[in-house]
Protein backbone atom coordinates (compact mmCIF):
# COMPACT_ATOMS: atom_id res chain seq x y z
CA UNK A 1 -0.18 0.01 -0.13
CA UNK A 2 1.27 3.52 -0.51
CA UNK A 3 0.69 7.05 0.60
CA UNK A 4 -1.40 7.57 -2.61
CA UNK A 5 -3.70 4.57 -2.03
CA UNK A 6 -4.37 5.97 1.63
CA UNK A 7 -5.42 9.25 0.73
CA UNK A 8 -8.79 7.67 -1.17
CA UNK A 9 -9.85 5.70 1.90
CA UNK A 10 -12.39 7.38 4.03
CA UNK A 11 -10.52 7.47 6.95
CA UNK A 12 -6.45 8.57 6.49
CA UNK A 13 -4.16 7.64 9.16
CA UNK A 14 -2.51 9.60 11.99
CA UNK A 15 -0.14 12.34 10.33
CA UNK A 16 3.21 12.77 11.27
CA UNK A 17 5.68 15.74 10.29
CA UNK A 18 9.41 15.05 10.65
CA UNK A 19 11.77 17.95 10.47
CA UNK A 20 15.80 17.48 9.93
CA UNK A 21 17.74 20.94 10.50
CA UNK A 22 21.10 20.99 8.86
CA UNK A 23 23.65 22.69 10.92
CA UNK A 24 26.88 21.87 8.93
CA UNK A 25 27.22 25.71 7.11
CA UNK A 26 27.60 26.78 10.54
CA UNK A 27 30.14 23.97 11.01
CA UNK A 28 27.30 21.20 13.21
CA UNK A 29 25.57 18.41 13.17
CA UNK A 30 22.40 17.07 11.71
CA UNK A 31 19.25 17.57 14.38
CA UNK A 32 16.18 15.37 13.73
CA UNK A 33 13.05 16.22 15.94
CA UNK A 34 8.93 16.14 14.94
CA UNK A 35 6.35 17.66 16.77
CA UNK A 36 4.45 14.23 17.04
CA UNK A 37 5.14 11.71 19.59
CA UNK A 38 3.36 7.80 18.94
CA UNK A 39 1.65 6.38 22.12
CA UNK A 40 3.18 8.84 24.50
CA UNK A 41 6.93 8.04 23.52
CA UNK A 42 9.57 10.89 23.47
CA UNK A 43 10.54 10.22 20.25
CA UNK A 44 9.97 8.47 16.69
CA UNK A 45 12.03 6.62 14.47
CA UNK A 46 11.69 6.82 10.44
CA UNK A 47 14.20 5.01 7.92
CA UNK A 48 16.20 3.91 10.99
CA UNK A 49 16.62 7.88 11.93
CA UNK A 50 15.24 8.59 15.53
CA UNK A 51 13.44 12.07 15.53
CA UNK A 52 13.13 13.78 18.81
CA UNK A 53 10.07 15.24 20.00
CA UNK A 54 9.81 18.69 20.32
CA UNK A 55 6.74 21.25 20.92
CA UNK A 56 7.27 22.99 16.94
CA UNK A 57 4.73 24.34 14.78
CA UNK A 58 4.57 26.01 11.20
CA UNK A 59 2.63 27.89 8.71
CA UNK A 60 2.32 29.05 5.43
CA UNK A 61 4.05 26.27 3.83
CA UNK A 62 1.24 26.38 0.98
CA UNK A 63 2.37 27.36 -2.91
CA UNK A 64 0.33 30.10 -4.04
CA UNK A 65 -1.14 29.68 -7.82
CA UNK A 66 0.96 32.42 -9.05
CA UNK A 67 4.33 30.27 -8.45
CA UNK A 68 5.67 32.64 -5.59
CA UNK A 69 7.87 30.40 -3.26
CA UNK A 70 6.35 30.16 0.23
CA UNK A 71 7.99 31.91 2.97
CA UNK A 72 6.92 29.72 6.01
CA UNK A 73 7.15 30.67 9.99
CA UNK A 74 8.33 28.02 12.33
CA UNK A 75 7.79 28.44 15.78
CA UNK A 76 10.07 26.31 18.23
CA UNK A 77 8.87 26.34 22.01
CA UNK A 78 11.60 27.79 24.12
CA UNK A 79 10.58 26.15 27.28
CA UNK A 80 13.25 23.45 27.29
CA UNK A 81 16.00 25.62 26.14
CA UNK A 82 16.83 22.74 23.52
CA UNK A 83 16.88 25.23 20.89
CA UNK A 84 18.73 28.15 22.59
CA UNK A 85 22.41 26.55 22.94
CA UNK A 86 22.19 26.14 19.31
CA UNK A 87 21.17 29.60 18.74
CA UNK A 88 23.97 30.58 20.57
CA UNK A 89 26.74 28.53 19.08
CA UNK A 90 25.23 28.58 15.24
CA UNK A 91 24.41 32.23 14.60
CA UNK A 92 20.74 31.94 15.25
CA UNK A 93 20.62 29.40 12.45
CA UNK A 94 20.75 31.89 9.72
CA UNK A 95 21.53 29.83 6.29
CA UNK A 96 20.77 26.49 8.09
CA UNK A 97 19.20 24.10 6.02
CA UNK A 98 15.56 22.79 7.27
CA UNK A 99 14.05 19.63 5.08
CA UNK A 100 10.04 19.54 5.83
CA UNK A 101 8.85 15.65 5.66
CA UNK A 102 5.31 14.23 5.87
CA UNK A 103 3.81 10.76 5.78
CA UNK A 104 1.34 8.68 8.27
CA UNK A 105 2.40 6.99 11.38
CA UNK A 106 1.68 3.47 9.46
CA UNK A 107 4.86 4.09 7.87
CA UNK A 108 7.02 4.53 10.60
CA UNK A 109 9.35 2.53 11.83
CA UNK A 110 6.86 1.29 14.17
CA UNK A 111 4.29 1.19 12.46
CA UNK A 112 2.04 -1.41 10.94
CA UNK A 113 3.76 -0.65 7.41
CA UNK A 114 7.34 0.67 7.87
CA UNK A 115 8.27 2.28 4.52
CA UNK A 116 11.09 4.97 4.60
CA UNK A 117 10.06 5.71 0.92
CA UNK A 118 6.08 6.87 1.56
CA UNK A 119 6.15 10.56 2.46
CA UNK A 120 4.60 12.85 0.84
CA UNK A 121 6.82 15.75 -1.24
CA UNK A 122 9.70 16.89 0.82
CA UNK A 123 10.26 20.38 1.30
CA UNK A 124 13.72 22.33 1.46
CA UNK A 125 13.65 25.56 3.29
CA UNK A 126 16.74 27.89 4.51
CA UNK A 127 16.27 29.67 7.43
CA UNK A 128 16.31 33.45 6.44
CA UNK A 129 16.37 34.81 10.33
CA UNK A 130 15.07 34.70 13.83
CA UNK A 131 12.15 36.78 13.97
CA UNK A 132 11.31 36.50 17.50
CA UNK A 133 12.47 35.04 20.74
CA UNK A 134 10.78 35.05 24.19
CA UNK A 135 10.91 32.71 27.17
CA UNK A 136 8.57 30.70 25.69
CA UNK A 137 8.92 30.13 21.76
CA UNK A 138 11.43 31.17 19.09
CA UNK A 139 10.30 31.93 15.54
CA UNK A 140 12.15 31.73 12.28
CA UNK A 141 11.27 33.00 8.89
CA UNK A 142 12.39 30.64 6.43
CA UNK A 143 12.43 30.93 2.50
CA UNK A 144 12.54 28.47 -0.39
CA UNK A 145 15.61 26.91 -1.32
CA UNK A 146 15.20 28.32 -4.86
CA UNK A 147 15.65 31.70 -3.36
CA UNK A 148 19.26 31.33 -1.88
CA UNK A 149 21.32 33.40 -3.76
CA UNK A 150 23.59 30.38 -5.29
CA UNK A 151 21.19 28.71 -7.09
CA UNK A 152 20.11 29.88 -10.53
CA UNK A 153 17.62 28.87 -13.40
CA UNK A 154 19.13 28.07 -16.61
CA UNK A 155 20.66 30.99 -18.10
CA UNK A 156 17.52 31.95 -20.35
CA UNK A 157 15.47 34.85 -20.14
CA UNK A 158 11.77 34.52 -19.49
CA UNK A 159 9.58 36.64 -21.44
CA UNK A 160 5.58 36.80 -21.45
CA UNK A 161 3.93 35.04 -24.69
CA UNK A 162 2.46 37.71 -26.83
CA UNK A 163 0.61 35.00 -28.89
CA UNK A 164 -0.22 31.37 -28.70
CA UNK A 165 0.89 29.45 -25.73
CA UNK A 166 4.56 28.98 -25.99
CA UNK A 167 5.30 31.48 -28.23
CA UNK A 168 8.18 33.70 -26.85
CA UNK A 169 9.09 31.60 -23.47
CA UNK A 170 12.53 31.46 -23.88
CA UNK A 171 15.12 33.59 -25.53
CA UNK A 172 18.78 32.89 -25.50
């Protein structure tokens, strides 16, 4: 069974978000965390990797029809001060890569049908800034990896079509 087949069912399995925070651009390691817990545990395992449970929420993940890249915000709990030490050491995490994976709990290693290939599209973002911090939470603004300065589309100018669809789209 696949995720696409599960989406056709009237009752969906429990949804799970997984986050991978890559601190290597700042000289750190890779952190794995999830806002979900299964059966009251403090972590979940997916594809042999353990994801630590951490209170986290995000918004603005949706891609718009006009093609603009999403610029979501991510809020992480600061109560346990888990992220606080990383902020100090790695310059507010700016420039670090965050990957968001989505799957169902049945595909976790402890699920009824463990399969690490069963994920919705993995979305990759770059942390562009820490926008807010207090004793309770830390908020980050993210940008699409395509918005990063080192990534470029092929060297072609994209022009608006003046006639039939496809006319004048590319000019070398």
